[in-house]
Amino acid sequence: MENYSYFINVVSLMLVIIPVLVTFISLRMACRVRWDILFRDLGVPIGLYGSVLLSTDMVLNVQDSKAIGPATAIMLLTITYGGLMSALGYFSTFKRSEPSSQKNQQTASWKSIFIIMLVINFLYGWAMDASSSLDAYINPVALVVFVTTIIAAIILSDSDHRIEVLCQASLLSAMICQVFGLIVLFQSFSGEGINEGMYEGLKLAMNGLLYGIYSYICIYIFSYKFGTTERIDAPLMNWHWLEVTGFLIFMFFAPETLRESLLH
């Protein structure tokens, strides 16, 4: 394939590279964090968040089915950028003679955390505003599911395990929203094309995933302030986030196979 432009999207690159680099520079100055560990842990969730963010408004506001393909391509491309950053960090951890670990890591300052969150929120806010429809990123049901899951996790868990429990709660809320979204979609299915109810199911699923991933990213960053990063087991969590996002893509955006296209 000679058209390499298929694999380049400037906005996608910005949404992945800028947050990871700003986080690394800030934490490097604050607590000497290793670049390979940070890239390994943060590349995937940042890429997943950016992919869903860029696709949400486009998918929920299109009336032409032909736009779904490009939206899905952008989603996959942004995930790929994040995955490549994580891969670079992961491979680099095997270069050193000592095992990669965040134990005995110095804690970051509130100033560094504030700078990171300011840049990330500004960038994501810009991306949402550029989509011209902030309403696309607000879903009451997804918010209720997310908040309820987080509160339940806090109440039922011990403070010594709060960091890992909150990460799991963020993942669980995203999974619940995926199932709820599918329920709404199938309940609205009539066999006569896409209707408003089906869009509501998609909006619930995509925003539930956005809230969960954003929460996880914030928890990971704040863990450097409290020295609890090791408890998160970020590589394992990244696999789980990939599974949930893959579930969303294949249940809502799965394209026709080549065989089906030829039959039509």
C-alpha atoms as a PDB file:
ATOM      1  CA  MET A   1       0.000   0.000   0.000  1.00  0.00           C
ATOM      2  CA  GLU A   2       1.579   3.271  -1.165  1.00  0.00           C
ATOM      3  CA  ASN A   3      -0.840   5.676   0.496  1.00  0.00           C
ATOM      4  CA  TYR A   4       0.855   6.151   3.870  1.00  0.00           C
ATOM      5  CA  SER A   5      -1.503   9.021   4.706  1.00  0.00           C
ATOM      6  CA  TYR A   6      -3.931   6.347   5.924  1.00  0.00           C
ATOM      7  CA  PHE A   7      -1.692   5.905   8.952  1.00  0.00           C
ATOM      8  CA  ILE A   8      -1.182   9.573   9.849  1.00  0.00           C
ATOM      9  CA  ASN A   9      -3.632  11.733  11.772  1.00  0.00           C
ATOM     10  CA  VAL A  10      -2.248  14.892  13.383  1.00  0.00           C
ATOM     11  CA  VAL A  11      -5.004  15.275  15.987  1.00  0.00           C
ATOM     12  CA  SER A  12      -4.652  11.652  17.041  1.00  0.00           C
ATOM     13  CA  LEU A  13      -0.900  12.089  17.439  1.00  0.00           C
ATOM     14  CA  MET A  14      -1.410  15.212  19.548  1.00  0.00           C
ATOM     15  CA  LEU A  15      -3.917  13.515  21.852  1.00  0.00           C
ATOM     16  CA  VAL A  16      -1.482  10.670  22.496  1.00  0.00           C
ATOM     17  CA  ILE A  17       2.005  12.180  22.438  1.00  0.00           C
ATOM     18  CA  ILE A  18       1.382  15.462  24.293  1.00  0.00           C
ATOM     19  CA  PRO A  19      -0.219  13.967  27.457  1.00  0.00           C
ATOM     20  CA  VAL A  20       2.406  11.231  27.740  1.00  0.00           C
ATOM     21  CA  LEU A  21       5.360  13.594  27.199  1.00  0.00           C
ATOM     22  CA  VAL A  22       4.019  16.264  29.572  1.00  0.00           C
ATOM     23  CA  THR A  23       3.403  13.621  32.233  1.00  0.00           C
ATOM     24  CA  PHE A  24       6.895  12.184  31.792  1.00  0.00           C
ATOM     25  CA  ILE A  25       8.664  15.567  31.876  1.00  0.00           C
ATOM     26  CA  SER A  26       6.748  16.721  34.964  1.00  0.00           C
ATOM     27  CA  LEU A  27       7.215  13.471  36.876  1.00  0.00           C
ATOM     28  CA  ARG A  28      10.827  13.165  35.767  1.00  0.00           C
ATOM     29  CA  MET A  29      11.606  16.540  37.281  1.00  0.00           C
ATOM     30  CA  ALA A  30       9.535  15.830  40.382  1.00  0.00           C
ATOM     31  CA  CYS A  31      10.421  12.240  41.259  1.00  0.00           C
ATOM     32  CA  ARG A  32      12.887  10.909  38.668  1.00  0.00           C
ATOM     33  CA  VAL A  33      10.391   8.566  37.060  1.00  0.00           C
ATOM     34  CA  ARG A  34      11.762   6.288  34.341  1.00  0.00           C
ATOM     35  CA  TRP A  35      10.514   7.023  30.837  1.00  0.00           C
ATOM     36  CA  ASP A  36      10.148   3.369  29.877  1.00  0.00           C
ATOM     37  CA  ILE A  37       7.837   2.554  32.779  1.00  0.00           C
ATOM     38  CA  LEU A  38       5.709   5.638  32.208  1.00  0.00           C
ATOM     39  CA  PHE A  39       5.429   5.027  28.462  1.00  0.00           C
ATOM     40  CA  ARG A  40       4.627   1.359  29.082  1.00  0.00           C
ATOM     41  CA  ASP A  41       1.901   2.133  31.596  1.00  0.00           C
ATOM     42  CA  LEU A  42       0.303   5.250  30.132  1.00  0.00           C
ATOM     43  CA  GLY A  43       0.537   4.827  26.343  1.00  0.00           C
ATOM     44  CA  VAL A  44      -2.355   2.368  26.029  1.00  0.00           C
ATOM     45  CA  PRO A  45      -4.952   4.147  28.224  1.00  0.00           C
ATOM     46  CA  ILE A  46      -4.102   7.535  26.705  1.00  0.00           C
ATOM     47  CA  GLY A  47      -4.460   6.073  23.221  1.00  0.00           C
ATOM     48  CA  LEU A  48      -7.749   4.390  24.097  1.00  0.00           C
ATOM     49  CA  TYR A  49      -9.172   7.550  25.608  1.00  0.00           C
ATOM     50  CA  GLY A  50      -8.181   9.659  22.615  1.00  0.00           C
ATOM     51  CA  SER A  51      -9.648   7.102  20.216  1.00  0.00           C
ATOM     52  CA  VAL A  52     -13.080   7.084  21.849  1.00  0.00           C
ATOM     53  CA  LEU A  53     -12.992  10.860  22.317  1.00  0.00           C
ATOM     54  CA  LEU A  54     -12.380  11.524  18.638  1.00  0.00           C
ATOM     55  CA  SER A  55     -15.018   9.049  17.518  1.00  0.00           C
ATOM     56  CA  THR A  56     -17.883   9.853  19.898  1.00  0.00           C
ATOM     57  CA  ASP A  57     -19.218  13.076  18.405  1.00  0.00           C
ATOM     58  CA  MET A  58     -18.545  11.999  14.835  1.00  0.00           C
ATOM     59  CA  VAL A  59     -20.462   8.752  15.174  1.00  0.00           C
ATOM     60  CA  LEU A  60     -23.388  10.136  17.167  1.00  0.00           C
ATOM     61  CA  ASN A  61     -24.026  13.035  14.809  1.00  0.00           C
ATOM     62  CA  VAL A  62     -23.653  11.458  11.394  1.00  0.00           C
ATOM     63  CA  GLN A  63     -26.589  10.562   9.207  1.00  0.00           C
ATOM     64  CA  ASP A  64     -24.551   8.962   6.436  1.00  0.00           C
ATOM     65  CA  SER A  65     -23.426   5.388   7.053  1.00  0.00           C
ATOM     66  CA  LYS A  66     -20.317   6.059   4.952  1.00  0.00           C
ATOM     67  CA  ALA A  67     -18.902   8.191   7.789  1.00  0.00           C
ATOM     68  CA  ILE A  68     -18.809   5.240  10.196  1.00  0.00           C
ATOM     69  CA  GLY A  69     -15.846   3.683   8.379  1.00  0.00           C
ATOM     70  CA  PRO A  70     -13.539   6.726   8.676  1.00  0.00           C
ATOM     71  CA  ALA A  71     -14.591   7.189  12.312  1.00  0.00           C
ATOM     72  CA  THR A  72     -13.653   3.598  13.087  1.00  0.00           C
ATOM     73  CA  ALA A  73     -10.338   4.022  11.242  1.00  0.00           C
ATOM     74  CA  ILE A  74      -9.468   7.065  13.377  1.00  0.00           C
ATOM     75  CA  MET A  75     -10.388   5.121  16.502  1.00  0.00           C
ATOM     76  CA  LEU A  76      -8.091   2.250  15.568  1.00  0.00           C
ATOM     77  CA  LEU A  77      -5.300   4.596  14.475  1.00  0.00           C
ATOM     78  CA  THR A  78      -5.288   6.463  17.788  1.00  0.00           C
ATOM     79  CA  ILE A  79      -5.232   3.177  19.689  1.00  0.00           C
ATOM     80  CA  THR A  80      -2.261   2.141  17.558  1.00  0.00           C
ATOM     81  CA  TYR A  81      -0.307   5.289  18.453  1.00  0.00           C
ATOM     82  CA  GLY A  82      -0.836   4.655  22.149  1.00  0.00           C
ATOM     83  CA  GLY A  83       0.029   0.994  21.778  1.00  0.00           C
ATOM     84  CA  LEU A  84       3.292   1.825  20.013  1.00  0.00           C
ATOM     85  CA  MET A  85       4.313   4.151  22.852  1.00  0.00           C
ATOM     86  CA  SER A  86       3.574   1.422  25.387  1.00  0.00           C
ATOM     87  CA  ALA A  87       5.505  -1.087  23.293  1.00  0.00           C
ATOM     88  CA  LEU A  88       8.562   1.180  23.209  1.00  0.00           C
ATOM     89  CA  GLY A  89       8.488   1.464  26.976  1.00  0.00           C
ATOM     90  CA  TYR A  90       7.873  -2.249  27.473  1.00  0.00           C
ATOM     91  CA  PHE A  91      10.736  -3.374  25.242  1.00  0.00           C
ATOM     92  CA  SER A  92      13.090  -0.882  26.887  1.00  0.00           C
ATOM     93  CA  THR A  93      12.449  -2.351  30.339  1.00  0.00           C
ATOM     94  CA  PHE A  94      14.358  -5.453  29.236  1.00  0.00           C
ATOM     95  CA  LYS A  95      17.454  -3.454  28.358  1.00  0.00           C
ATOM     96  CA  ARG A  96      18.557  -2.929  31.941  1.00  0.00           C
ATOM     97  CA  SER A  97      20.164  -5.562  34.102  1.00  0.00           C
ATOM     98  CA  GLU A  98      17.981  -4.682  37.094  1.00  0.00           C
ATOM     99  CA  PRO A  99      14.238  -5.430  36.938  1.00  0.00           C
ATOM    100  CA  SER A 100      11.880  -2.563  36.182  1.00  0.00           C
ATOM    101  CA  SER A 101      10.054  -1.477  39.283  1.00  0.00           C
ATOM    102  CA  GLN A 102       8.424   1.554  40.849  1.00  0.00           C
ATOM    103  CA  LYS A 103       9.303   0.467  44.364  1.00  0.00           C
ATOM    104  CA  ASN A 104      11.222   3.025  46.398  1.00  0.00           C
ATOM    105  CA  GLN A 105      10.052   5.652  43.903  1.00  0.00           C
ATOM    106  CA  GLN A 106      10.173   9.246  45.127  1.00  0.00           C
ATOM    107  CA  THR A 107       6.782  10.901  45.415  1.00  0.00           C
ATOM    108  CA  ALA A 108       5.733  13.722  43.097  1.00  0.00           C
ATOM    109  CA  SER A 109       4.722  17.182  44.257  1.00  0.00           C
ATOM    110  CA  TRP A 110       1.230  18.620  43.992  1.00  0.00           C
ATOM    111  CA  LYS A 111       2.631  21.221  41.613  1.00  0.00           C
ATOM    112  CA  SER A 112       3.729  18.591  39.096  1.00  0.00           C
ATOM    113  CA  ILE A 113       0.392  16.777  39.364  1.00  0.00           C
ATOM    114  CA  PHE A 114      -1.464  20.060  38.839  1.00  0.00           C
ATOM    115  CA  ILE A 115       0.559  20.881  35.705  1.00  0.00           C
ATOM    116  CA  ILE A 116      -0.102  17.432  34.238  1.00  0.00           C
ATOM    117  CA  MET A 117      -3.845  17.575  34.889  1.00  0.00           C
ATOM    118  CA  LEU A 118      -4.068  21.134  33.575  1.00  0.00           C
ATOM    119  CA  VAL A 119      -2.454  20.215  30.261  1.00  0.00           C
ATOM    120  CA  ILE A 120      -4.423  16.991  29.858  1.00  0.00           C
ATOM    121  CA  ASN A 121      -7.772  18.590  30.659  1.00  0.00           C
ATOM    122  CA  PHE A 122      -7.067  21.558  28.396  1.00  0.00           C
ATOM    123  CA  LEU A 123      -6.130  19.261  25.524  1.00  0.00           C
ATOM    124  CA  TYR A 124      -9.134  17.012  25.970  1.00  0.00           C
ATOM    125  CA  GLY A 125     -11.421  20.012  26.443  1.00  0.00           C
ATOM    126  CA  TRP A 126     -10.111  21.490  23.202  1.00  0.00           C
ATOM    127  CA  ALA A 127     -10.767  18.228  21.378  1.00  0.00           C
ATOM    128  CA  MET A 128     -14.325  18.076  22.724  1.00  0.00           C
ATOM    129  CA  ASP A 129     -15.009  21.700  21.840  1.00  0.00           C
ATOM    130  CA  ALA A 130     -13.542  21.229  18.352  1.00  0.00           C
ATOM    131  CA  SER A 131     -16.062  18.467  17.781  1.00  0.00           C
ATOM    132  CA  SER A 132     -18.749  21.208  18.033  1.00  0.00           C
ATOM    133  CA  SER A 133     -21.030  19.177  20.295  1.00  0.00           C
ATOM    134  CA  LEU A 134     -20.139  18.958  23.981  1.00  0.00           C
ATOM    135  CA  ASP A 135     -23.531  17.368  24.621  1.00  0.00           C
ATOM    136  CA  ALA A 136     -22.247  14.244  22.921  1.00  0.00           C
ATOM    137  CA  TYR A 137     -19.969  13.633  25.924  1.00  0.00           C
ATOM    138  CA  ILE A 138     -22.659  13.872  28.591  1.00  0.00           C
ATOM    139  CA  ASN A 139     -24.812  10.873  29.414  1.00  0.00           C
ATOM    140  CA  PRO A 140     -26.770  10.791  32.712  1.00  0.00           C
ATOM    141  CA  VAL A 141     -27.021   7.006  32.840  1.00  0.00           C
ATOM    142  CA  ALA A 142     -23.289   6.537  32.279  1.00  0.00           C
ATOM    143  CA  LEU A 143     -22.538   9.158  34.932  1.00  0.00           C
ATOM    144  CA  VAL A 144     -24.826   7.463  37.450  1.00  0.00           C
ATOM    145  CA  VAL A 145     -23.211   4.084  36.773  1.00  0.00           C
ATOM    146  CA  PHE A 146     -19.717   5.549  37.116  1.00  0.00           C
ATOM    147  CA  VAL A 147     -20.390   7.537  40.306  1.00  0.00           C
ATOM    148  CA  THR A 148     -22.310   4.685  41.941  1.00  0.00           C
ATOM    149  CA  THR A 149     -19.541   2.191  41.205  1.00  0.00           C
ATOM    150  CA  ILE A 150     -16.839   4.500  42.552  1.00  0.00           C
ATOM    151  CA  ILE A 151     -18.801   5.269  45.738  1.00  0.00           C
ATOM    152  CA  ALA A 152     -19.507   1.583  46.323  1.00  0.00           C
ATOM    153  CA  ALA A 153     -15.816   0.778  45.880  1.00  0.00           C
ATOM    154  CA  ILE A 154     -14.805   3.441  48.394  1.00  0.00           C
ATOM    155  CA  ILE A 155     -17.369   2.377  50.991  1.00  0.00           C
ATOM    156  CA  LEU A 156     -16.739  -1.353  50.727  1.00  0.00           C
ATOM    157  CA  SER A 157     -12.940  -1.304  50.520  1.00  0.00           C
ATOM    158  CA  ASP A 158     -10.187  -0.756  53.032  1.00  0.00           C
ATOM    159  CA  SER A 159      -8.071   2.392  52.734  1.00  0.00           C
ATOM    160  CA  ASP A 160      -4.918   0.274  52.382  1.00  0.00           C
ATOM    161  CA  HIS A 161      -6.218  -1.073  49.059  1.00  0.00           C
ATOM    162  CA  ARG A 162      -8.032   2.033  47.877  1.00  0.00           C
ATOM    163  CA  ILE A 163      -5.834   2.731  44.843  1.00  0.00           C
ATOM    164  CA  GLU A 164      -6.229  -0.681  43.206  1.00  0.00           C
ATOM    165  CA  VAL A 165      -9.918  -0.894  44.102  1.00  0.00           C
ATOM    166  CA  LEU A 166     -10.623   2.453  42.430  1.00  0.00           C
ATOM    167  CA  CYS A 167      -8.828   1.277  39.287  1.00  0.00           C
ATOM    168  CA  GLN A 168     -10.966  -1.857  39.224  1.00  0.00           C
ATOM    169  CA  ALA A 169     -14.106   0.205  39.884  1.00  0.00           C
ATOM    170  CA  SER A 170     -13.306   2.448  36.908  1.00  0.00           C
ATOM    171  CA  LEU A 171     -12.968  -0.639  34.718  1.00  0.00           C
ATOM    172  CA  LEU A 172     -16.149  -2.191  36.092  1.00  0.00           C
ATOM    173  CA  SER A 173     -18.194   0.956  35.446  1.00  0.00           C
ATOM    174  CA  ALA A 174     -17.034   0.957  31.816  1.00  0.00           C
ATOM    175  CA  MET A 175     -17.985  -2.710  31.441  1.00  0.00           C
ATOM    176  CA  ILE A 176     -21.441  -2.124  32.922  1.00  0.00           C
ATOM    177  CA  CYS A 177     -22.024   0.776  30.534  1.00  0.00           C
ATOM    178  CA  GLN A 178     -21.069  -1.418  27.582  1.00  0.00           C
ATOM    179  CA  VAL A 179     -23.698  -3.978  28.566  1.00  0.00           C
ATOM    180  CA  PHE A 180     -26.329  -1.320  29.296  1.00  0.00           C
ATOM    181  CA  GLY A 181     -25.581   0.308  25.945  1.00  0.00           C
ATOM    182  CA  LEU A 182     -26.108  -2.980  24.131  1.00  0.00           C
ATOM    183  CA  ILE A 183     -29.377  -3.551  25.997  1.00  0.00           C
ATOM    184  CA  VAL A 184     -30.662  -0.148  24.878  1.00  0.00           C
ATOM    185  CA  LEU A 185     -29.485  -0.769  21.319  1.00  0.00           C
ATOM    186  CA  PHE A 186     -31.114  -4.193  21.018  1.00  0.00           C
ATOM    187  CA  GLN A 187     -34.318  -3.035  22.671  1.00  0.00           C
ATOM    188  CA  SER A 188     -34.542  -0.322  20.017  1.00  0.00           C
ATOM    189  CA  PHE A 189     -33.650  -2.600  17.102  1.00  0.00           C
ATOM    190  CA  SER A 190     -36.481  -2.840  14.596  1.00  0.00           C
ATOM    191  CA  GLY A 191     -34.720  -4.088  11.476  1.00  0.00           C
ATOM    192  CA  GLU A 192     -35.608  -0.863   9.668  1.00  0.00           C
ATOM    193  CA  GLY A 193     -32.354   1.001  10.004  1.00  0.00           C
ATOM    194  CA  ILE A 194     -30.771   3.124  12.734  1.00  0.00           C
ATOM    195  CA  ASN A 195     -33.133   4.964  15.064  1.00  0.00           C
ATOM    196  CA  GLU A 196     -32.757   7.343  17.995  1.00  0.00           C
ATOM    197  CA  GLY A 197     -32.829   4.558  20.558  1.00  0.00           C
ATOM    198  CA  MET A 198     -29.898   2.830  18.923  1.00  0.00           C
ATOM    199  CA  TYR A 199     -27.890   6.055  19.065  1.00  0.00           C
ATOM    200  CA  GLU A 200     -28.741   6.328  22.768  1.00  0.00           C
ATOM    201  CA  GLY A 201     -27.279   2.881  23.365  1.00  0.00           C
ATOM    202  CA  LEU A 202     -24.101   3.828  21.535  1.00  0.00           C
ATOM    203  CA  LYS A 203     -23.826   7.101  23.431  1.00  0.00           C
ATOM    204  CA  LEU A 204     -24.212   5.295  26.746  1.00  0.00           C
ATOM    205  CA  ALA A 205     -21.525   2.751  25.883  1.00  0.00           C
ATOM    206  CA  MET A 206     -18.986   5.240  24.516  1.00  0.00           C
ATOM    207  CA  ASN A 207     -19.358   7.776  27.318  1.00  0.00           C
ATOM    208  CA  GLY A 208     -19.236   5.071  29.962  1.00  0.00           C
ATOM    209  CA  LEU A 209     -15.928   3.967  28.486  1.00  0.00           C
ATOM    210  CA  LEU A 210     -14.667   7.567  28.398  1.00  0.00           C
ATOM    211  CA  TYR A 211     -15.511   8.171  32.074  1.00  0.00           C
ATOM    212  CA  GLY A 212     -13.849   4.926  33.143  1.00  0.00           C
ATOM    213  CA  ILE A 213     -10.612   5.427  31.213  1.00  0.00           C
ATOM    214  CA  TYR A 214     -10.318   9.066  32.261  1.00  0.00           C
ATOM    215  CA  SER A 215     -10.770   8.057  35.889  1.00  0.00           C
ATOM    216  CA  TYR A 216      -8.081   5.397  35.552  1.00  0.00           C
ATOM    217  CA  ILE A 217      -5.636   7.840  33.935  1.00  0.00           C
ATOM    218  CA  CYS A 218      -6.180  10.306  36.786  1.00  0.00           C
ATOM    219  CA  ILE A 219      -5.743   7.589  39.421  1.00  0.00           C
ATOM    220  CA  TYR A 220      -2.492   6.454  37.810  1.00  0.00           C
ATOM    221  CA  ILE A 221      -1.096   9.994  37.719  1.00  0.00           C
ATOM    222  CA  PHE A 222      -2.129  10.756  41.307  1.00  0.00           C
ATOM    223  CA  SER A 223      -0.548   7.494  42.463  1.00  0.00           C
ATOM    224  CA  TYR A 224       2.863   9.125  41.949  1.00  0.00           C
ATOM    225  CA  LYS A 225       1.947  11.620  44.624  1.00  0.00           C
ATOM    226  CA  PHE A 226       1.190   8.900  47.174  1.00  0.00           C
ATOM    227  CA  GLY A 227       3.797   6.347  46.110  1.00  0.00           C
ATOM    228  CA  THR A 228       1.204   3.680  45.310  1.00  0.00           C
ATOM    229  CA  THR A 229       1.885   3.216  41.592  1.00  0.00           C
ATOM    230  CA  GLU A 230       3.265  -0.300  42.057  1.00  0.00           C
ATOM    231  CA  ARG A 231      -0.083  -1.524  43.408  1.00  0.00           C
ATOM    232  CA  ILE A 232      -1.968  -0.709  40.216  1.00  0.00           C
ATOM    233  CA  ASP A 233      -0.299  -3.393  38.057  1.00  0.00           C
ATOM    234  CA  ALA A 234      -0.647  -1.128  35.027  1.00  0.00           C
ATOM    235  CA  PRO A 235       0.392  -3.685  32.340  1.00  0.00           C
ATOM    236  CA  LEU A 236      -2.435  -5.999  33.420  1.00  0.00           C
ATOM    237  CA  MET A 237      -4.907  -3.114  33.600  1.00  0.00           C
ATOM    238  CA  ASN A 238      -3.899  -2.064  30.086  1.00  0.00           C
ATOM    239  CA  TRP A 239      -4.873  -5.495  28.780  1.00  0.00           C
ATOM    240  CA  HIS A 240      -8.268  -5.189  30.459  1.00  0.00           C
ATOM    241  CA  TRP A 241      -8.847  -1.742  28.964  1.00  0.00           C
ATOM    242  CA  LEU A 242      -7.931  -3.077  25.530  1.00  0.00           C
ATOM    243  CA  GLU A 243     -10.444  -5.887  25.987  1.00  0.00           C
ATOM    244  CA  VAL A 244     -13.251  -3.514  26.960  1.00  0.00           C
ATOM    245  CA  THR A 245     -12.508  -1.150  24.086  1.00  0.00           C
ATOM    246  CA  GLY A 246     -12.210  -4.063  21.670  1.00  0.00           C
ATOM    247  CA  PHE A 247     -15.618  -5.242  22.843  1.00  0.00           C
ATOM    248  CA  LEU A 248     -17.054  -1.806  22.045  1.00  0.00           C
ATOM    249  CA  ILE A 249     -15.492  -1.722  18.588  1.00  0.00           C
ATOM    250  CA  PHE A 250     -16.606  -5.179  17.536  1.00  0.00           C
ATOM    251  CA  MET A 251     -20.108  -4.963  19.012  1.00  0.00           C
ATOM    252  CA  PHE A 252     -20.923  -1.499  17.657  1.00  0.00           C
ATOM    253  CA  PHE A 253     -18.554  -0.826  14.736  1.00  0.00           C
ATOM    254  CA  ALA A 254     -17.746  -4.233  13.250  1.00  0.00           C
ATOM    255  CA  PRO A 255     -17.568  -3.777   9.450  1.00  0.00           C
ATOM    256  CA  GLU A 256     -18.872  -6.143   6.845  1.00  0.00           C
ATOM    257  CA  THR A 257     -16.532  -8.948   5.948  1.00  0.00           C
ATOM    258  CA  LEU A 258     -15.113  -9.128   2.441  1.00  0.00           C
ATOM    259  CA  ARG A 259     -17.394 -12.108   1.775  1.00  0.00           C
ATOM    260  CA  GLU A 260     -20.516 -10.154   2.828  1.00  0.00           C
ATOM    261  CA  SER A 261     -19.508  -7.172   0.690  1.00  0.00           C
ATOM    262  CA  LEU A 262     -19.109  -9.423  -2.363  1.00  0.00           C
ATOM    263  CA  LEU A 263     -22.470 -11.067  -1.742  1.00  0.00           C
ATOM    264  CA  HIS A 264     -24.159  -7.679  -1.664  1.00  0.00           C
END
